[in-house]
Amino acid sequence: MIKLTRLDGESFVLNADLIRYIERRPDTFITLISGERLVVGETMEVVIERAVQYQQQKHFMPMPTAGFTTATVPTSATN
């Protein structure tokens, strides 16, 4: 999720996985995979940077370890 700003100054959070493409004309337009278009106050470069950071964090986020244990699966030899 990335935090962006509408042209009226209102902040909102966008699921960056839904971005289809970004245009600069001169405002920044974001077209979602649904076809919906959003206009934001951030530059195209800032939106791209945040979307890339989001994707990097999503794929490198450590898995939770608390409460998880490795279990031994019984085999026919141990039954």
Protein backbone atom coordinates (compact mmCIF):
# COMPACT_ATOMS: atom_id res chain seq x y z
CA MET A 1 0.00 0.00 0.00
CA ILE A 2 1.25 3.48 -0.80
CA LYS A 3 0.15 6.78 0.70
CA LEU A 4 -0.82 9.45 -1.84
CA THR A 5 -2.59 12.82 -1.86
CA ARG A 6 -5.64 13.87 -3.86
CA LEU A 7 -5.51 17.29 -5.52
CA ASP A 8 -7.76 18.68 -2.75
CA GLY A 9 -5.08 17.74 -0.18
CA GLU A 10 -6.84 14.66 1.21
CA SER A 11 -4.50 11.72 1.88
CA PHE A 12 -5.44 8.20 0.91
CA VAL A 13 -3.79 4.80 0.62
CA LEU A 14 -3.69 2.89 -2.65
CA ASN A 15 -2.96 -0.78 -3.20
CA ALA A 16 -0.01 -0.46 -5.58
CA ASP A 17 -0.75 -3.92 -7.01
CA LEU A 18 -3.78 -2.36 -8.73
CA ILE A 19 -1.80 0.19 -10.76
CA ARG A 20 -1.95 -0.43 -14.51
CA TYR A 21 -0.03 2.67 -15.57
CA ILE A 22 0.91 6.21 -14.54
CA GLU A 23 0.84 9.33 -16.74
CA ARG A 24 2.05 12.89 -16.37
CA ARG A 25 -0.19 15.39 -18.19
CA PRO A 26 0.77 17.80 -16.32
CA ASP A 27 -1.00 16.36 -13.25
CA THR A 28 -0.22 12.77 -12.35
CA PHE A 29 -2.92 10.34 -13.50
CA ILE A 30 -2.96 6.77 -12.20
CA THR A 31 -4.99 4.24 -14.14
CA LEU A 32 -5.95 1.13 -12.19
CA ILE A 33 -6.42 -2.35 -13.63
CA SER A 34 -10.19 -1.79 -13.25
CA GLY A 35 -9.97 1.21 -15.61
CA GLU A 36 -10.63 3.72 -12.81
CA ARG A 37 -8.43 6.82 -13.01
CA LEU A 38 -7.09 8.81 -10.09
CA VAL A 39 -5.39 12.21 -10.14
CA VAL A 40 -2.81 12.76 -7.40
CA GLY A 41 -0.63 15.62 -6.19
CA GLU A 42 2.60 13.61 -6.22
CA THR A 43 4.82 13.57 -9.27
CA MET A 44 4.95 10.52 -11.50
CA GLU A 45 8.49 9.82 -10.25
CA VAL A 46 7.35 9.85 -6.59
CA VAL A 47 4.46 7.46 -7.31
CA ILE A 48 6.81 5.10 -9.16
CA GLU A 49 9.36 5.25 -6.33
CA ARG A 50 6.71 4.44 -3.71
CA ALA A 51 5.23 1.63 -5.80
CA VAL A 52 8.68 0.07 -6.32
CA GLN A 53 9.50 0.38 -2.60
CA TYR A 54 6.16 -1.26 -1.77
CA GLN A 55 6.89 -4.19 -4.10
CA GLN A 56 10.40 -4.60 -2.69
CA GLN A 57 9.14 -4.55 0.91
CA LYS A 58 6.33 -6.96 0.07
CA HIS A 59 8.73 -9.55 -1.37
CA PHE A 60 11.46 -9.18 1.27
CA MET A 61 9.23 -9.02 4.34
CA PRO A 62 10.45 -11.60 6.86
CA MET A 63 8.03 -14.36 7.70
CA PRO A 64 6.68 -14.37 11.25
CA THR A 65 8.37 -16.95 13.46
CA ALA A 66 6.50 -16.59 16.75
CA GLY A 67 4.14 -19.47 17.36
CA PHE A 68 5.38 -21.59 14.46
CA THR A 69 7.24 -24.85 15.00
CA THR A 70 8.50 -27.45 12.62
CA ALA A 71 6.58 -30.67 12.96
CA THR A 72 7.81 -34.11 12.07
CA VAL A 73 5.55 -35.87 9.63
CA PRO A 74 5.16 -39.53 10.50
CA THR A 75 6.25 -41.97 7.85
CA SER A 76 5.33 -45.61 7.46
CA ALA A 77 8.69 -46.58 9.04
CA THR A 78 7.89 -44.69 12.27
CA ASN A 79 4.28 -45.89 12.63
